[in-house]
PDB file of N, CA and C in Angstrom:
ATOM      1  N   MET A   1       0.835  -1.190   0.000  1.00  0.00           N
ATOM      2  CA  MET A   1       0.000   0.000   0.000  1.00  0.00           C
ATOM      3  C   MET A   1       0.876   1.249   0.000  1.00  0.00           C
ATOM      4  N   MET A   2       0.519   2.212  -0.852  1.00  0.00           N
ATOM      5  CA  MET A   2       1.272   3.458  -0.936  1.00  0.00           C
ATOM      6  C   MET A   2       0.979   4.361   0.255  1.00  0.00           C
ATOM      7  N   THR A   3       1.968   5.152   0.617  1.00  0.00           N
ATOM      8  CA  THR A   3       1.767   6.168   1.641  1.00  0.00           C
ATOM      9  C   THR A   3       0.911   7.275   1.037  1.00  0.00           C
ATOM     10  N   PRO A   4      -0.147   7.704   1.736  1.00  0.00           N
ATOM     11  CA  PRO A   4      -1.000   8.753   1.174  1.00  0.00           C
ATOM     12  C   PRO A   4      -0.255  10.085   1.064  1.00  0.00           C
ATOM     13  N   ILE A   5      -0.675  10.882   0.105  1.00  0.00           N
ATOM     14  CA  ILE A   5      -0.126  12.225  -0.108  1.00  0.00           C
ATOM     15  C   ILE A   5      -0.795  13.156   0.883  1.00  0.00           C
ATOM     16  N   ARG A   6       0.011  13.840   1.684  1.00  0.00           N
ATOM     17  CA  ARG A   6      -0.484  14.722   2.746  1.00  0.00           C
ATOM     18  C   ARG A   6      -0.785  16.112   2.169  1.00  0.00           C
ATOM     19  N   VAL A   7      -2.011  16.611   2.419  1.00  0.00           N
ATOM     20  CA  VAL A   7      -2.460  17.877   1.823  1.00  0.00           C
ATOM     21  C   VAL A   7      -2.906  18.859   2.908  1.00  0.00           C
ATOM     22  N   LEU A   8      -2.423  20.093   2.804  1.00  0.00           N
ATOM     23  CA  LEU A   8      -2.802  21.192   3.691  1.00  0.00           C
ATOM     24  C   LEU A   8      -3.470  22.276   2.846  1.00  0.00           C
ATOM     25  N   ILE A   9      -4.562  22.848   3.355  1.00  0.00           N
ATOM     26  CA  ILE A   9      -5.317  23.883   2.645  1.00  0.00           C
ATOM     27  C   ILE A   9      -5.182  25.216   3.383  1.00  0.00           C
ATOM     28  N   VAL A  10      -4.894  26.291   2.638  1.00  0.00           N
ATOM     29  CA  VAL A  10      -4.818  27.626   3.232  1.00  0.00           C
ATOM     30  C   VAL A  10      -5.681  28.582   2.402  1.00  0.00           C
ATOM     31  N   GLY A  11      -6.639  29.203   3.070  1.00  0.00           N
ATOM     32  CA  GLY A  11      -7.511  30.184   2.434  1.00  0.00           C
ATOM     33  C   GLY A  11      -8.480  30.728   3.462  1.00  0.00           C
ATOM     34  N   GLU A  12      -8.861  31.978   3.326  1.00  0.00           N
ATOM     35  CA  GLU A  12      -9.674  32.606   4.384  1.00  0.00           C
ATOM     36  C   GLU A  12     -11.138  32.185   4.375  1.00  0.00           C
ATOM     37  N   GLN A  13     -11.644  31.641   3.272  1.00  0.00           N
ATOM     38  CA  GLN A  13     -13.056  31.256   3.193  1.00  0.00           C
ATOM     39  C   GLN A  13     -13.277  29.878   3.818  1.00  0.00           C
ATOM     40  N   THR A  14     -13.954  29.846   4.944  1.00  0.00           N
ATOM     41  CA  THR A  14     -14.206  28.596   5.661  1.00  0.00           C
ATOM     42  C   THR A  14     -14.958  27.591   4.797  1.00  0.00           C
ATOM     43  N   LEU A  15     -15.980  28.038   4.110  1.00  0.00           N
ATOM     44  CA  LEU A  15     -16.773  27.142   3.269  1.00  0.00           C
ATOM     45  C   LEU A  15     -15.911  26.486   2.191  1.00  0.00           C
ATOM     46  N   PHE A  16     -15.020  27.254   1.590  1.00  0.00           N
ATOM     47  CA  PHE A  16     -14.117  26.739   0.566  1.00  0.00           C
ATOM     48  C   PHE A  16     -13.197  25.668   1.156  1.00  0.00           C
ATOM     49  N   ARG A  17     -12.600  25.970   2.308  1.00  0.00           N
ATOM     50  CA  ARG A  17     -11.692  25.007   2.951  1.00  0.00           C
ATOM     51  C   ARG A  17     -12.431  23.725   3.318  1.00  0.00           C
ATOM     52  N   GLU A  18     -13.634  23.855   3.864  1.00  0.00           N
ATOM     53  CA  GLU A  18     -14.402  22.676   4.271  1.00  0.00           C
ATOM     54  C   GLU A  18     -14.824  21.839   3.070  1.00  0.00           C
ATOM     55  N   ALA A  19     -15.204  22.485   1.976  1.00  0.00           N
ATOM     56  CA  ALA A  19     -15.597  21.750   0.772  1.00  0.00           C
ATOM     57  C   ALA A  19     -14.408  20.973   0.203  1.00  0.00           C
ATOM     58  N   LEU A  20     -13.247  21.614   0.143  1.00  0.00           N
ATOM     59  CA  LEU A  20     -12.055  20.923  -0.333  1.00  0.00           C
ATOM     60  C   LEU A  20     -11.685  19.761   0.580  1.00  0.00           C
ATOM     61  N   GLN A  21     -11.823  19.973   1.878  1.00  0.00           N
ATOM     62  CA  GLN A  21     -11.524  18.909   2.837  1.00  0.00           C
ATOM     63  C   GLN A  21     -12.396  17.681   2.562  1.00  0.00           C
ATOM     64  N   LYS A  22     -13.684  17.903   2.353  1.00  0.00           N
ATOM     65  CA  LYS A  22     -14.604  16.787   2.085  1.00  0.00           C
ATOM     66  C   LYS A  22     -14.217  16.050   0.807  1.00  0.00           C
ATOM     67  N   LEU A  23     -13.817  16.786  -0.211  1.00  0.00           N
ATOM     68  CA  LEU A  23     -13.381  16.150  -1.453  1.00  0.00           C
ATOM     69  C   LEU A  23     -12.111  15.340  -1.245  1.00  0.00           C
ATOM     70  N   LEU A  24     -11.173  15.906  -0.521  1.00  0.00           N
ATOM     71  CA  LEU A  24      -9.909  15.208  -0.269  1.00  0.00           C
ATOM     72  C   LEU A  24     -10.121  13.931   0.540  1.00  0.00           C
ATOM     73  N   GLU A  25     -11.021  13.976   1.501  1.00  0.00           N
ATOM     74  CA  GLU A  25     -11.260  12.826   2.361  1.00  0.00           C
ATOM     75  C   GLU A  25     -11.899  11.652   1.615  1.00  0.00           C
ATOM     76  N   ARG A  26     -12.429  11.890   0.439  1.00  0.00           N
ATOM     77  CA  ARG A  26     -13.006  10.817  -0.388  1.00  0.00           C
ATOM     78  C   ARG A  26     -11.945  10.039  -1.151  1.00  0.00           C
ATOM     79  N   GLU A  27     -10.773  10.623  -1.279  1.00  0.00           N
ATOM     80  CA  GLU A  27      -9.714  10.017  -2.089  1.00  0.00           C
ATOM     81  C   GLU A  27      -8.781   9.182  -1.208  1.00  0.00           C
ATOM     82  N   PRO A  28      -8.665   7.891  -1.488  1.00  0.00           N
ATOM     83  CA  PRO A  28      -7.841   7.025  -0.644  1.00  0.00           C
ATOM     84  C   PRO A  28      -6.344   7.340  -0.699  1.00  0.00           C
ATOM     85  N   ASP A  29      -5.887   7.969  -1.786  1.00  0.00           N
ATOM     86  CA  ASP A  29      -4.464   8.279  -1.924  1.00  0.00           C
ATOM     87  C   ASP A  29      -4.077   9.625  -1.318  1.00  0.00           C
ATOM     88  N   LEU A  30      -5.074  10.365  -0.811  1.00  0.00           N
ATOM     89  CA  LEU A  30      -4.816  11.681  -0.221  1.00  0.00           C
ATOM     90  C   LEU A  30      -5.173  11.673   1.254  1.00  0.00           C
ATOM     91  N   LEU A  31      -4.381  12.392   2.031  1.00  0.00           N
ATOM     92  CA  LEU A  31      -4.636  12.521   3.471  1.00  0.00           C
ATOM     93  C   LEU A  31      -4.719  14.003   3.812  1.00  0.00           C
ATOM     94  N   PHE A  32      -5.898  14.457   4.222  1.00  0.00           N
ATOM     95  CA  PHE A  32      -6.080  15.843   4.660  1.00  0.00           C
ATOM     96  C   PHE A  32      -5.396  15.995   6.013  1.00  0.00           C
ATOM     97  N   VAL A  33      -4.425  16.923   6.110  1.00  0.00           N
ATOM     98  CA  VAL A  33      -3.677  17.093   7.358  1.00  0.00           C
ATOM     99  C   VAL A  33      -3.981  18.403   8.070  1.00  0.00           C
ATOM    100  N   GLY A  34      -4.842  19.244   7.470  1.00  0.00           N
ATOM    101  CA  GLY A  34      -5.229  20.459   8.159  1.00  0.00           C
ATOM    102  C   GLY A  34      -5.569  21.590   7.211  1.00  0.00           C
ATOM    103  N   SER A  35      -6.116  22.656   7.817  1.00  0.00           N
ATOM    104  CA  SER A  35      -6.418  23.862   7.053  1.00  0.00           C
ATOM    105  C   SER A  35      -6.194  25.066   7.947  1.00  0.00           C
ATOM    106  N   ALA A  36      -5.932  26.178   7.306  1.00  0.00           N
ATOM    107  CA  ALA A  36      -5.673  27.414   8.035  1.00  0.00           C
ATOM    108  C   ALA A  36      -6.305  28.579   7.290  1.00  0.00           C
ATOM    109  N   PRO A  37      -6.862  29.545   8.046  1.00  0.00           N
ATOM    110  CA  PRO A  37      -7.484  30.694   7.404  1.00  0.00           C
ATOM    111  C   PRO A  37      -6.501  31.791   7.014  1.00  0.00           C
ATOM    112  N   GLY A  38      -5.324  31.806   7.627  1.00  0.00           N
ATOM    113  CA  GLY A  38      -4.418  32.925   7.391  1.00  0.00           C
ATOM    114  C   GLY A  38      -2.956  32.533   7.389  1.00  0.00           C
ATOM    115  N   THR A  39      -2.128  33.520   7.123  1.00  0.00           N
ATOM    116  CA  THR A  39      -0.694  33.333   6.966  1.00  0.00           C
ATOM    117  C   THR A  39      -0.042  32.730   8.205  1.00  0.00           C
ATOM    118  N   TRP A  40      -0.274  33.308   9.364  1.00  0.00           N
ATOM    119  CA  TRP A  40       0.426  32.853  10.568  1.00  0.00           C
ATOM    120  C   TRP A  40      -0.022  31.465  11.000  1.00  0.00           C
ATOM    121  N   GLU A  41      -1.319  31.201  10.890  1.00  0.00           N
ATOM    122  CA  GLU A  41      -1.817  29.863  11.226  1.00  0.00           C
ATOM    123  C   GLU A  41      -1.228  28.824  10.263  1.00  0.00           C
ATOM    124  N   ALA A  42      -1.124  29.213   9.008  1.00  0.00           N
ATOM    125  CA  ALA A  42      -0.568  28.300   8.004  1.00  0.00           C
ATOM    126  C   ALA A  42       0.888  27.978   8.296  1.00  0.00           C
ATOM    127  N   LEU A  43       1.662  28.982   8.665  1.00  0.00           N
ATOM    128  CA  LEU A  43       3.074  28.750   8.956  1.00  0.00           C
ATOM    129  C   LEU A  43       3.241  27.799  10.140  1.00  0.00           C
ATOM    130  N   GLU A  44       2.403  27.937  11.160  1.00  0.00           N
ATOM    131  CA  GLU A  44       2.453  27.017  12.300  1.00  0.00           C
ATOM    132  C   GLU A  44       2.093  25.597  11.870  1.00  0.00           C
ATOM    133  N   LEU A  45       1.028  25.476  11.078  1.00  0.00           N
ATOM    134  CA  LEU A  45       0.581  24.156  10.631  1.00  0.00           C
ATOM    135  C   LEU A  45       1.586  23.482   9.709  1.00  0.00           C
ATOM    136  N   LEU A  46       2.274  24.253   8.891  1.00  0.00           N
ATOM    137  CA  LEU A  46       3.261  23.665   7.984  1.00  0.00           C
ATOM    138  C   LEU A  46       4.320  22.889   8.755  1.00  0.00           C
ATOM    139  N   ASP A  47       4.777  23.441   9.867  1.00  0.00           N
ATOM    140  CA  ASP A  47       5.773  22.743  10.685  1.00  0.00           C
ATOM    141  C   ASP A  47       5.199  21.478  11.305  1.00  0.00           C
ATOM    142  N   GLU A  48       3.968  21.554  11.797  1.00  0.00           N
ATOM    143  CA  GLU A  48       3.339  20.419  12.470  1.00  0.00           C
ATOM    144  C   GLU A  48       2.920  19.320  11.494  1.00  0.00           C
ATOM    145  N   ALA A  49       2.246  19.706  10.414  1.00  0.00           N
ATOM    146  CA  ALA A  49       1.585  18.741   9.532  1.00  0.00           C
ATOM    147  C   ALA A  49       2.513  18.129   8.485  1.00  0.00           C
ATOM    148  N   GLN A  50       3.582  18.825   8.129  1.00  0.00           N
ATOM    149  CA  GLN A  50       4.521  18.345   7.114  1.00  0.00           C
ATOM    150  C   GLN A  50       3.805  17.862   5.842  1.00  0.00           C
ATOM    151  N   PRO A  51       3.031  18.745   5.188  1.00  0.00           N
ATOM    152  CA  PRO A  51       2.291  18.318   3.990  1.00  0.00           C
ATOM    153  C   PRO A  51       3.211  18.087   2.794  1.00  0.00           C
ATOM    154  N   ASP A  52       2.748  17.233   1.907  1.00  0.00           N
ATOM    155  CA  ASP A  52       3.425  17.039   0.624  1.00  0.00           C
ATOM    156  C   ASP A  52       2.930  18.076  -0.382  1.00  0.00           C
ATOM    157  N   ILE A  53       1.656  18.460  -0.229  1.00  0.00           N
ATOM    158  CA  ILE A  53       1.021  19.439  -1.119  1.00  0.00           C
ATOM    159  C   ILE A  53       0.379  20.541  -0.286  1.00  0.00           C
ATOM    160  N   LEU A  54       0.571  21.777  -0.720  1.00  0.00           N
ATOM    161  CA  LEU A  54      -0.053  22.933  -0.084  1.00  0.00           C
ATOM    162  C   LEU A  54      -0.995  23.578  -1.095  1.00  0.00           C
ATOM    163  N   LEU A  55      -2.300  23.552  -0.799  1.00  0.00           N
ATOM    164  CA  LEU A  55      -3.288  24.241  -1.631  1.00  0.00           C
ATOM    165  C   LEU A  55      -3.461  25.630  -1.030  1.00  0.00           C
ATOM    166  N   LEU A  56      -3.074  26.655  -1.777  1.00  0.00           N
ATOM    167  CA  LEU A  56      -2.911  27.993  -1.219  1.00  0.00           C
ATOM    168  C   LEU A  56      -3.562  29.049  -2.105  1.00  0.00           C
ATOM    169  N   ILE A  57      -4.406  29.897  -1.496  1.00  0.00           N
ATOM    170  CA  ILE A  57      -4.944  31.075  -2.179  1.00  0.00           C
ATOM    171  C   ILE A  57      -3.859  32.147  -2.090  1.00  0.00           C
ATOM    172  N   LEU A  58      -3.376  32.619  -3.222  1.00  0.00           N
ATOM    173  CA  LEU A  58      -2.238  33.539  -3.195  1.00  0.00           C
ATOM    174  C   LEU A  58      -2.584  34.939  -2.720  1.00  0.00           C
ATOM    175  N   ASN A  59      -3.654  35.533  -3.224  1.00  0.00           N
ATOM    176  CA  ASN A  59      -3.964  36.910  -2.859  1.00  0.00           C
ATOM    177  C   ASN A  59      -5.396  37.039  -2.384  1.00  0.00           C
ATOM    178  N   THR A  60      -5.540  37.423  -1.145  1.00  0.00           N
ATOM    179  CA  THR A  60      -6.841  37.709  -0.573  1.00  0.00           C
ATOM    180  C   THR A  60      -6.704  38.999   0.228  1.00  0.00           C
ATOM    181  N   PRO A  61      -7.811  39.633   0.598  1.00  0.00           N
ATOM    182  CA  PRO A  61      -7.707  40.899   1.333  1.00  0.00           C
ATOM    183  C   PRO A  61      -6.941  40.795   2.656  1.00  0.00           C
ATOM    184  N   GLN A  62      -7.043  39.670   3.362  1.00  0.00           N
ATOM    185  CA  GLN A  62      -6.439  39.577   4.687  1.00  0.00           C
ATOM    186  C   GLN A  62      -5.179  38.721   4.745  1.00  0.00           C
ATOM    187  N   ASN A  63      -4.894  37.964   3.717  1.00  0.00           N
ATOM    188  CA  ASN A  63      -3.760  37.050   3.736  1.00  0.00           C
ATOM    189  C   ASN A  63      -2.840  37.309   2.563  1.00  0.00           C
ATOM    190  N   SER A  64      -1.629  36.862   2.720  1.00  0.00           N
ATOM    191  CA  SER A  64      -0.705  36.924   1.605  1.00  0.00           C
ATOM    192  C   SER A  64      -0.077  35.553   1.420  1.00  0.00           C
ATOM    193  N   GLY A  65      -0.595  34.832   0.439  1.00  0.00           N
ATOM    194  CA  GLY A  65      -0.014  33.547   0.109  1.00  0.00           C
ATOM    195  C   GLY A  65       1.420  33.693  -0.344  1.00  0.00           C
ATOM    196  N   VAL A  66       1.722  34.831  -0.951  1.00  0.00           N
ATOM    197  CA  VAL A  66       3.084  35.097  -1.389  1.00  0.00           C
ATOM    198  C   VAL A  66       4.016  35.130  -0.175  1.00  0.00           C
ATOM    199  N   GLU A  67       3.559  35.697   0.929  1.00  0.00           N
ATOM    200  CA  GLU A  67       4.364  35.742   2.153  1.00  0.00           C
ATOM    201  C   GLU A  67       4.666  34.326   2.658  1.00  0.00           C
ATOM    202  N   ILE A  68       3.694  33.443   2.575  1.00  0.00           N
ATOM    203  CA  ILE A  68       3.914  32.046   2.976  1.00  0.00           C
ATOM    204  C   ILE A  68       4.974  31.411   2.081  1.00  0.00           C
ATOM    205  N   LEU A  69       4.877  31.649   0.788  1.00  0.00           N
ATOM    206  CA  LEU A  69       5.869  31.089  -0.136  1.00  0.00           C
ATOM    207  C   LEU A  69       7.268  31.626   0.144  1.00  0.00           C
ATOM    208  N   ARG A  70       7.367  32.898   0.491  1.00  0.00           N
ATOM    209  CA  ARG A  70       8.676  33.482   0.836  1.00  0.00           C
ATOM    210  C   ARG A  70       9.273  32.790   2.058  1.00  0.00           C
ATOM    211  N   LYS A  71       8.431  32.530   3.053  1.00  0.00           N
ATOM    212  CA  LYS A  71       8.919  31.880   4.277  1.00  0.00           C
ATOM    213  C   LYS A  71       9.358  30.444   4.007  1.00  0.00           C
ATOM    214  N   LEU A  72       8.726  29.783   3.032  1.00  0.00           N
ATOM    215  CA  LEU A  72       9.092  28.417   2.702  1.00  0.00           C
ATOM    216  C   LEU A  72      10.373  28.318   1.894  1.00  0.00           C
ATOM    217  N   ALA A  73      10.706  29.394   1.183  1.00  0.00           N
ATOM    218  CA  ALA A  73      11.884  29.378   0.301  1.00  0.00           C
ATOM    219  C   ALA A  73      13.185  29.320   1.074  1.00  0.00           C
TER     220      ALA A  73
END
């Protein structure tokens, strides 16, 4: 059995994050490891969850996905 791909979602819209989570949980090869509404919460979760994939909204009024990418670089 393959190790599932770990996925973290970052975006300020709760409904969007929850809908994506439900879709991810249906896929046996994917493992939902968390979601965060903003930059700082996402940075904390990245260390804890160690995702393989980060689904990230780049530009929103309250968050900067670009800032998260800078911190990861």
